[in-house]
């Protein structure tokens, strides 16, 4: 990876960079074509494909080849294809010859909610259906994946569950909370309580839009609908809805069992984990340094700054694409070239050979700090 991270002096604080990026990052214009994918339980998710035939001024390369690599995108909690960081990745991937498909979890980005169930940090069933659907639609393409925040947690859990069985050949995890117990504890402190409140408000708003689905269903599970509609924290919403939907006895057990830190040892494809050490939402202390170091399929890159979904640096700074886009795409493309060069991925063969991928012995890379240490977010 050639893209060095240079901190902008006025954005060295994680809170400042997080908020600056959220409020000032300009979202590029992207035209989507949406497909509803029905799930076996009667629910549905929304898949947004970039419409390369749309009459937009930047659509100079409308004809991606039919076998272009496909990158599945998983946004963060309450996020979706409308978010600026997702749109920037869509455009950046297209310019490198990669097709993107954004997986919007149930109820996000105005997606459908047809049953009394949303999504969770632990549930990978919907992603599994999405991957198989896309595998069937693009049989001549290699499949890649990238996730941010909660989407990264779900992606890494899926990769750990599937092991060598996944048709995805390489993936990128960004701003992953990894250990939900530690991340939740961090949410209860200082300025991080603001993010907690804002995200809880978004969750409650999505719930209120679909409350009638829960009220009209014959589902006997003891949801607390009033509490969910007025949650002040993510933990409160998860206790009222999420942990009940997915069968966890308590919210504490849900958090303890749902972190993707537990899945790292079982990942069998090349995985890049990109984290900012001053991330106020996915804190440095939640990163599973030892597990990542012990799995030869995993590469960890940390930056001393970056905030959460910030990384205001690189060619797009300060108002354009995050630095992470360039790094993720450089890594994905170089990984594909290496897989082809070494014969681990033959033309027309779109599943990685885990016995060969396991031969990689790249140590985790940390930019800005010595390996094994981390900065405590201020």
Protein backbone atom coordinates (compact mmCIF):
# COMPACT_ATOMS: atom_id res chain seq x y z
CA UNK A 1 0.00 0.00 0.00
CA UNK A 2 1.46 3.32 -1.08
CA UNK A 3 -1.08 5.73 0.38
CA UNK A 4 0.49 7.35 3.43
CA UNK A 5 -1.76 8.91 6.02
CA UNK A 6 -0.93 12.54 6.78
CA UNK A 7 -2.89 14.09 9.64
CA UNK A 8 -4.36 17.52 9.04
CA UNK A 9 -3.23 19.56 12.08
CA UNK A 10 -6.66 20.96 12.92
CA UNK A 11 -8.23 17.46 12.82
CA UNK A 12 -5.89 15.56 15.15
CA UNK A 13 -8.68 15.07 17.72
CA UNK A 14 -10.87 12.04 17.02
CA UNK A 15 -14.12 13.77 17.95
CA UNK A 16 -13.32 16.80 15.79
CA UNK A 17 -12.47 14.66 12.75
CA UNK A 18 -15.53 12.46 13.17
CA UNK A 19 -17.90 15.41 13.37
CA UNK A 20 -16.08 17.41 10.67
CA UNK A 21 -16.37 14.52 8.20
CA UNK A 22 -20.02 13.89 9.06
CA UNK A 23 -21.01 17.54 8.59
CA UNK A 24 -18.79 18.76 5.75
CA UNK A 25 -17.95 15.80 3.52
CA UNK A 26 -19.53 16.40 0.13
CA UNK A 27 -21.49 13.41 -1.15
CA UNK A 28 -20.93 12.75 -4.86
CA UNK A 29 -23.94 12.28 -7.09
CA UNK A 30 -24.70 8.60 -7.61
CA UNK A 31 -27.70 7.15 -9.42
CA UNK A 32 -28.82 3.79 -8.04
CA UNK A 33 -31.03 1.03 -9.38
CA UNK A 34 -32.65 -0.86 -6.49
CA UNK A 35 -33.54 -4.53 -6.18
CA UNK A 36 -35.55 -5.99 -3.31
CA UNK A 37 -34.21 -9.35 -2.20
CA UNK A 38 -36.67 -11.47 -0.25
CA UNK A 39 -35.40 -13.48 2.70
CA UNK A 40 -36.49 -17.02 3.68
CA UNK A 41 -38.25 -15.73 6.83
CA UNK A 42 -40.49 -13.37 4.84
CA UNK A 43 -38.38 -10.27 5.36
CA UNK A 44 -36.48 -8.39 2.68
CA UNK A 45 -33.41 -6.23 2.12
CA UNK A 46 -32.61 -3.62 -0.51
CA UNK A 47 -29.65 -3.96 -2.87
CA UNK A 48 -28.53 -0.78 -4.62
CA UNK A 49 -26.54 -1.11 -7.84
CA UNK A 50 -24.93 1.91 -9.43
CA UNK A 51 -26.89 2.78 -12.56
CA UNK A 52 -24.07 3.30 -15.05
CA UNK A 53 -26.56 4.23 -17.76
CA UNK A 54 -27.81 7.27 -15.84
CA UNK A 55 -27.29 10.57 -17.60
CA UNK A 56 -24.77 12.01 -15.16
CA UNK A 57 -21.75 14.11 -16.14
CA UNK A 58 -19.18 11.80 -14.51
CA UNK A 59 -20.44 8.60 -16.17
CA UNK A 60 -17.62 8.37 -18.69
CA UNK A 61 -17.05 4.64 -18.26
CA UNK A 62 -20.58 3.28 -18.38
CA UNK A 63 -19.67 -0.12 -19.73
CA UNK A 64 -17.92 -2.11 -17.05
CA UNK A 65 -17.21 -5.56 -18.50
CA UNK A 66 -19.59 -8.32 -17.49
CA UNK A 67 -16.84 -10.09 -15.55
CA UNK A 68 -15.68 -6.99 -13.64
CA UNK A 69 -15.01 -7.73 -9.96
CA UNK A 70 -18.03 -7.10 -7.72
CA UNK A 71 -17.57 -5.32 -4.38
CA UNK A 72 -20.36 -5.83 -1.83
CA UNK A 73 -20.65 -2.83 0.53
CA UNK A 74 -21.98 -3.05 4.10
CA UNK A 75 -22.66 0.39 5.68
CA UNK A 76 -22.62 1.12 9.40
CA UNK A 77 -25.45 1.20 11.95
CA UNK A 78 -28.54 2.95 10.47
CA UNK A 79 -26.41 3.77 7.40
CA UNK A 80 -27.01 2.93 3.78
CA UNK A 81 -26.27 3.67 0.16
CA UNK A 82 -27.23 7.33 0.68
CA UNK A 83 -24.30 8.02 3.00
CA UNK A 84 -21.41 10.10 1.68
CA UNK A 85 -18.72 7.57 2.62
CA UNK A 86 -20.60 4.85 0.69
CA UNK A 87 -21.10 7.03 -2.37
CA UNK A 88 -17.43 7.95 -2.45
CA UNK A 89 -16.47 4.27 -2.40
CA UNK A 90 -18.93 3.54 -5.21
CA UNK A 91 -17.28 6.13 -7.45
CA UNK A 92 -13.73 5.22 -6.48
CA UNK A 93 -14.35 1.53 -7.13
CA UNK A 94 -15.91 2.22 -10.53
CA UNK A 95 -12.86 4.22 -11.56
CA UNK A 96 -10.68 1.19 -10.86
CA UNK A 97 -12.96 -1.14 -12.83
CA UNK A 98 -14.89 -2.61 -9.90
CA UNK A 99 -18.68 -2.87 -9.78
CA UNK A 100 -20.32 -2.12 -6.42
CA UNK A 101 -23.52 -3.36 -4.83
CA UNK A 102 -24.64 -1.81 -1.55
CA UNK A 103 -26.41 -4.14 0.88
CA UNK A 104 -28.90 -2.04 2.87
CA UNK A 105 -29.97 -3.92 5.99
CA UNK A 106 -33.66 -4.20 6.80
CA UNK A 107 -35.25 -0.79 7.26
CA UNK A 108 -32.18 1.26 6.37
CA UNK A 109 -31.94 3.70 3.48
CA UNK A 110 -35.77 3.52 3.13
CA UNK A 111 -35.53 -0.24 2.64
CA UNK A 112 -38.48 -2.55 3.38
CA UNK A 113 -39.46 -4.03 6.73
CA UNK A 114 -41.95 -6.84 6.17
CA UNK A 115 -41.59 -8.81 9.41
CA UNK A 116 -40.96 -7.86 13.07
CA UNK A 117 -37.20 -8.13 12.68
CA UNK A 118 -34.48 -5.61 11.83
CA UNK A 119 -30.81 -6.61 11.96
CA UNK A 120 -28.12 -7.10 14.55
CA UNK A 121 -24.38 -7.28 15.12
CA UNK A 122 -24.63 -11.05 15.45
CA UNK A 123 -26.97 -11.96 12.58
CA UNK A 124 -25.32 -12.99 9.31
CA UNK A 125 -28.27 -14.73 7.66
CA UNK A 126 -29.23 -11.82 5.44
CA UNK A 127 -25.66 -11.29 4.27
CA UNK A 128 -25.35 -14.98 3.45
CA UNK A 129 -28.44 -14.73 1.22
CA UNK A 130 -27.10 -11.55 -0.41
CA UNK A 131 -23.74 -13.14 -1.21
CA UNK A 132 -25.38 -16.20 -2.76
CA UNK A 133 -27.73 -14.02 -4.79
CA UNK A 134 -24.89 -11.91 -6.16
CA UNK A 135 -22.77 -15.03 -6.77
CA UNK A 136 -25.59 -16.37 -8.95
CA UNK A 137 -26.08 -13.09 -10.81
CA UNK A 138 -22.37 -12.48 -11.55
CA UNK A 139 -20.99 -15.97 -12.08
CA UNK A 140 -18.00 -14.75 -14.11
CA UNK A 141 -16.89 -12.14 -11.54
CA UNK A 142 -14.75 -12.41 -8.44
CA UNK A 143 -16.57 -11.29 -5.30
CA UNK A 144 -15.07 -8.80 -2.85
CA UNK A 145 -16.58 -7.16 0.24
CA UNK A 146 -16.03 -4.07 2.37
CA UNK A 147 -17.81 -3.03 5.54
CA UNK A 148 -17.79 -0.03 7.84
CA UNK A 149 -18.48 0.00 11.58
CA UNK A 150 -21.38 -2.38 12.38
CA UNK A 151 -21.32 -3.53 8.74
CA UNK A 152 -17.66 -4.48 9.24
CA UNK A 153 -18.55 -6.46 12.36
CA UNK A 154 -21.26 -8.39 10.48
CA UNK A 155 -18.90 -8.99 7.54
CA UNK A 156 -16.10 -10.39 9.71
CA UNK A 157 -18.54 -12.59 11.64
CA UNK A 158 -19.82 -13.97 8.33
CA UNK A 159 -16.27 -14.65 7.10
CA UNK A 160 -15.47 -16.49 10.32
CA UNK A 161 -18.62 -18.58 10.11
CA UNK A 162 -18.11 -19.48 6.46
CA UNK A 163 -14.36 -20.07 6.65
CA UNK A 164 -13.14 -21.54 3.40
CA UNK A 165 -16.70 -21.88 2.11
CA UNK A 166 -17.31 -18.23 1.25
CA UNK A 167 -17.29 -17.22 -2.44
CA UNK A 168 -15.79 -13.87 -1.36
CA UNK A 169 -12.07 -13.92 -2.15
CA UNK A 170 -10.88 -10.80 -0.25
CA UNK A 171 -12.46 -8.30 2.14
CA UNK A 172 -11.87 -5.02 3.96
CA UNK A 173 -13.10 -4.12 7.45
CA UNK A 174 -13.07 -0.42 8.45
CA UNK A 175 -13.86 1.17 11.83
CA UNK A 176 -14.91 -2.21 13.20
CA UNK A 177 -16.05 -2.10 16.87
CA UNK A 178 -14.80 -5.73 17.22
CA UNK A 179 -15.51 -6.14 20.97
CA UNK A 180 -19.02 -4.85 21.66
CA UNK A 181 -18.62 -4.97 25.44
CA UNK A 182 -15.65 -2.61 25.29
CA UNK A 183 -17.24 -0.47 22.58
CA UNK A 184 -20.47 -0.12 24.55
CA UNK A 185 -18.52 0.86 27.67
CA UNK A 186 -16.75 3.52 25.63
CA UNK A 187 -20.15 4.83 24.46
CA UNK A 188 -21.06 5.65 28.06
CA UNK A 189 -18.13 8.03 28.58
CA UNK A 190 -17.64 11.71 27.89
CA UNK A 191 -18.37 13.13 24.47
CA UNK A 192 -19.02 9.64 23.04
CA UNK A 193 -22.43 9.80 24.71
CA UNK A 194 -23.43 12.26 21.98
CA UNK A 195 -22.89 9.62 19.26
CA UNK A 196 -24.75 7.10 21.38
CA UNK A 197 -27.74 9.41 21.64
CA UNK A 198 -27.73 10.32 17.94
CA UNK A 199 -27.52 6.72 16.77
CA UNK A 200 -30.23 5.67 19.24
CA UNK A 201 -32.45 8.43 17.90
CA UNK A 202 -31.94 7.12 14.35
CA UNK A 203 -32.74 3.57 15.43
CA UNK A 204 -35.92 4.73 17.16
CA UNK A 205 -36.96 6.74 14.11
CA UNK A 206 -36.60 3.68 11.87
CA UNK A 207 -38.57 1.64 14.39
CA UNK A 208 -41.39 4.19 14.61
CA UNK A 209 -41.77 4.07 10.82
CA UNK A 210 -42.41 0.33 11.05
CA UNK A 211 -43.94 -0.01 14.50
CA UNK A 212 -47.22 -1.18 12.99
CA UNK A 213 -45.46 -4.32 11.69
CA UNK A 214 -44.66 -5.30 15.28
CA UNK A 215 -48.10 -4.31 16.57
CA UNK A 216 -49.99 -6.23 13.88
CA UNK A 217 -47.87 -9.38 14.01
CA UNK A 218 -48.72 -12.48 16.00
CA UNK A 219 -45.14 -12.64 17.28
CA UNK A 220 -45.32 -13.65 20.97
CA UNK A 221 -41.84 -12.37 21.85
CA UNK A 222 -41.86 -9.73 24.61
CA UNK A 223 -40.75 -6.63 22.71
CA UNK A 224 -40.92 -3.33 24.56
CA UNK A 225 -42.38 -1.20 21.77
CA UNK A 226 -42.78 2.01 23.74
CA UNK A 227 -39.22 1.86 24.99
CA UNK A 228 -37.90 1.15 21.49
CA UNK A 229 -39.78 4.16 20.09
CA UNK A 230 -38.13 6.49 22.60
CA UNK A 231 -34.70 4.98 23.24
CA UNK A 232 -32.01 7.35 24.47
CA UNK A 233 -29.11 4.91 24.03
CA UNK A 234 -28.24 2.08 21.64
CA UNK A 235 -28.16 -0.29 24.60
CA UNK A 236 -31.72 0.66 25.52
CA UNK A 237 -32.94 -0.04 21.97
CA UNK A 238 -31.03 -3.31 21.80
CA UNK A 239 -32.59 -4.41 25.08
CA UNK A 240 -36.09 -3.50 23.88
CA UNK A 241 -35.88 -4.99 20.37
CA UNK A 242 -32.62 -6.41 19.05
CA UNK A 243 -31.63 -8.97 21.66
CA UNK A 244 -35.25 -10.25 21.78
CA UNK A 245 -35.46 -10.61 17.98
CA UNK A 246 -32.32 -12.71 17.88
CA UNK A 247 -32.84 -14.81 20.99
CA UNK A 248 -30.33 -13.37 23.44
CA UNK A 249 -31.35 -13.67 27.12
CA UNK A 250 -29.94 -10.24 27.96
CA UNK A 251 -28.34 -7.29 26.24
CA UNK A 252 -25.12 -8.03 28.14
CA UNK A 253 -24.99 -11.53 26.67
CA UNK A 254 -25.84 -10.15 23.24
CA UNK A 255 -22.87 -7.77 23.35
CA UNK A 256 -20.53 -10.39 24.81
CA UNK A 257 -21.35 -12.92 22.11
CA UNK A 258 -21.73 -10.71 19.03
CA UNK A 259 -18.32 -9.09 18.62
CA UNK A 260 -16.37 -10.05 15.51
CA UNK A 261 -13.23 -10.30 17.65
CA UNK A 262 -14.32 -13.91 18.26
CA UNK A 263 -14.40 -14.61 14.51
CA UNK A 264 -10.89 -13.51 13.55
CA UNK A 265 -9.23 -16.92 14.15
CA UNK A 266 -11.65 -18.57 11.68
CA UNK A 267 -11.18 -16.14 8.75
CA UNK A 268 -9.74 -18.03 5.79
CA UNK A 269 -9.48 -15.35 3.08
CA UNK A 270 -7.29 -12.23 2.86
CA UNK A 271 -8.78 -9.60 5.19
CA UNK A 272 -7.59 -6.03 5.68
CA UNK A 273 -8.65 -4.40 8.96
CA UNK A 274 -8.30 -0.62 8.90
CA UNK A 275 -8.71 1.19 12.24
CA UNK A 276 -8.08 4.70 13.60
CA UNK A 277 -6.50 4.72 17.04
CA UNK A 278 -8.50 7.76 18.13
CA UNK A 279 -11.84 6.38 16.90
CA UNK A 280 -14.42 7.47 19.51
CA UNK A 281 -16.96 4.79 18.48
CA UNK A 282 -14.77 1.77 17.61
CA UNK A 283 -12.11 2.28 20.31
CA UNK A 284 -8.54 1.11 19.99
CA UNK A 285 -8.79 -1.05 23.11
CA UNK A 286 -11.42 -3.21 21.36
CA UNK A 287 -9.04 -4.25 18.55
CA UNK A 288 -8.05 -7.95 18.88
CA UNK A 289 -4.33 -7.37 18.23
CA UNK A 290 -3.19 -10.87 19.21
CA UNK A 291 -5.85 -12.73 17.20
CA UNK A 292 -5.11 -10.63 14.12
CA UNK A 293 -1.37 -11.18 14.49
CA UNK A 294 -1.84 -14.94 14.79
CA UNK A 295 -4.01 -15.31 11.67
CA UNK A 296 -1.82 -15.11 8.54
CA UNK A 297 -4.86 -14.23 6.44
CA UNK A 298 -5.38 -10.95 8.31
CA UNK A 299 -3.57 -7.64 7.91
CA UNK A 300 -4.15 -4.85 10.44
CA UNK A 301 -3.42 -1.22 9.59
CA UNK A 302 -3.98 1.43 12.24
CA UNK A 303 -3.55 5.18 11.92
CA UNK A 304 -2.88 7.50 14.89
CA UNK A 305 -5.84 9.65 13.83
CA UNK A 306 -8.87 9.30 11.61
CA UNK A 307 -11.85 9.40 13.96
CA UNK A 308 -14.88 7.29 13.07
CA UNK A 309 -15.63 7.13 9.34
CA UNK A 310 -13.39 10.17 9.01
CA UNK A 311 -9.87 9.72 7.63
CA UNK A 312 -9.90 13.25 6.28
CA UNK A 313 -6.64 13.00 4.35
CA UNK A 314 -5.28 12.16 0.93
CA UNK A 315 -6.33 13.48 -2.45
CA UNK A 316 -9.92 14.16 -1.38
CA UNK A 317 -9.17 16.14 1.78
CA UNK A 318 -10.73 17.98 3.42
CA UNK A 319 -14.21 17.76 1.89
CA UNK A 320 -13.98 14.84 -0.52
CA UNK A 321 -13.30 11.12 -0.44
CA UNK A 322 -11.80 9.63 2.72
CA UNK A 323 -8.22 8.36 2.64
CA UNK A 324 -9.53 4.87 3.45
CA UNK A 325 -11.10 4.47 -0.01
CA UNK A 326 -7.75 4.69 -1.76
CA UNK A 327 -6.12 2.30 0.71
CA UNK A 328 -8.92 -0.27 0.56
CA UNK A 329 -8.99 -0.32 -3.25
CA UNK A 330 -5.20 -0.42 -3.58
CA UNK A 331 -5.14 -3.39 -1.22
CA UNK A 332 -8.03 -5.22 -2.93
CA UNK A 333 -6.53 -4.80 -6.38
CA UNK A 334 -3.05 -5.83 -5.27
CA UNK A 335 -4.50 -8.84 -3.43
CA UNK A 336 -6.36 -9.96 -6.55
CA UNK A 337 -3.19 -9.63 -8.62
CA UNK A 338 -1.28 -11.68 -6.05
CA UNK A 339 -3.97 -14.37 -5.98
CA UNK A 340 -3.86 -14.64 -9.78
CA UNK A 341 -0.05 -14.47 -9.93
CA UNK A 342 0.43 -17.26 -7.45
CA UNK A 343 -2.29 -19.46 -8.91
CA UNK A 344 -4.49 -19.28 -5.83
CA UNK A 345 -7.22 -17.79 -8.02
CA UNK A 346 -7.36 -18.99 -11.61
CA UNK A 347 -9.28 -17.19 -14.36
CA UNK A 348 -12.86 -18.36 -14.06
CA UNK A 349 -12.29 -19.72 -10.55
CA UNK A 350 -13.83 -17.47 -7.93
CA UNK A 351 -13.24 -19.19 -4.62
CA UNK A 352 -9.98 -18.84 -2.75
CA UNK A 353 -8.03 -21.96 -1.87
CA UNK A 354 -7.71 -21.64 1.92
CA UNK A 355 -4.70 -23.92 2.16
CA UNK A 356 -2.80 -21.58 -0.13
CA UNK A 357 -4.12 -18.36 1.33
CA UNK A 358 -2.92 -19.57 4.71
CA UNK A 359 0.65 -19.45 3.41
CA UNK A 360 0.61 -15.65 3.72
CA UNK A 361 2.73 -14.52 6.63
CA UNK A 362 2.25 -10.77 6.53
CA UNK A 363 2.41 -9.27 10.03
CA UNK A 364 -0.14 -6.63 11.03
CA UNK A 365 0.92 -3.19 9.87
CA UNK A 366 0.47 -0.19 12.12
CA UNK A 367 1.23 3.28 10.85
CA UNK A 368 2.33 5.83 13.40
CA UNK A 369 2.75 3.71 16.55
CA UNK A 370 4.85 0.69 17.58
CA UNK A 371 3.15 -2.71 17.16
CA UNK A 372 1.16 -3.97 20.12
CA UNK A 373 0.43 -0.57 21.67
CA UNK A 374 -2.48 1.74 21.17
CA UNK A 375 -3.47 5.25 22.02
CA UNK A 376 -6.35 5.68 24.40
CA UNK A 377 -8.91 8.01 22.78
CA UNK A 378 -9.08 11.32 24.58
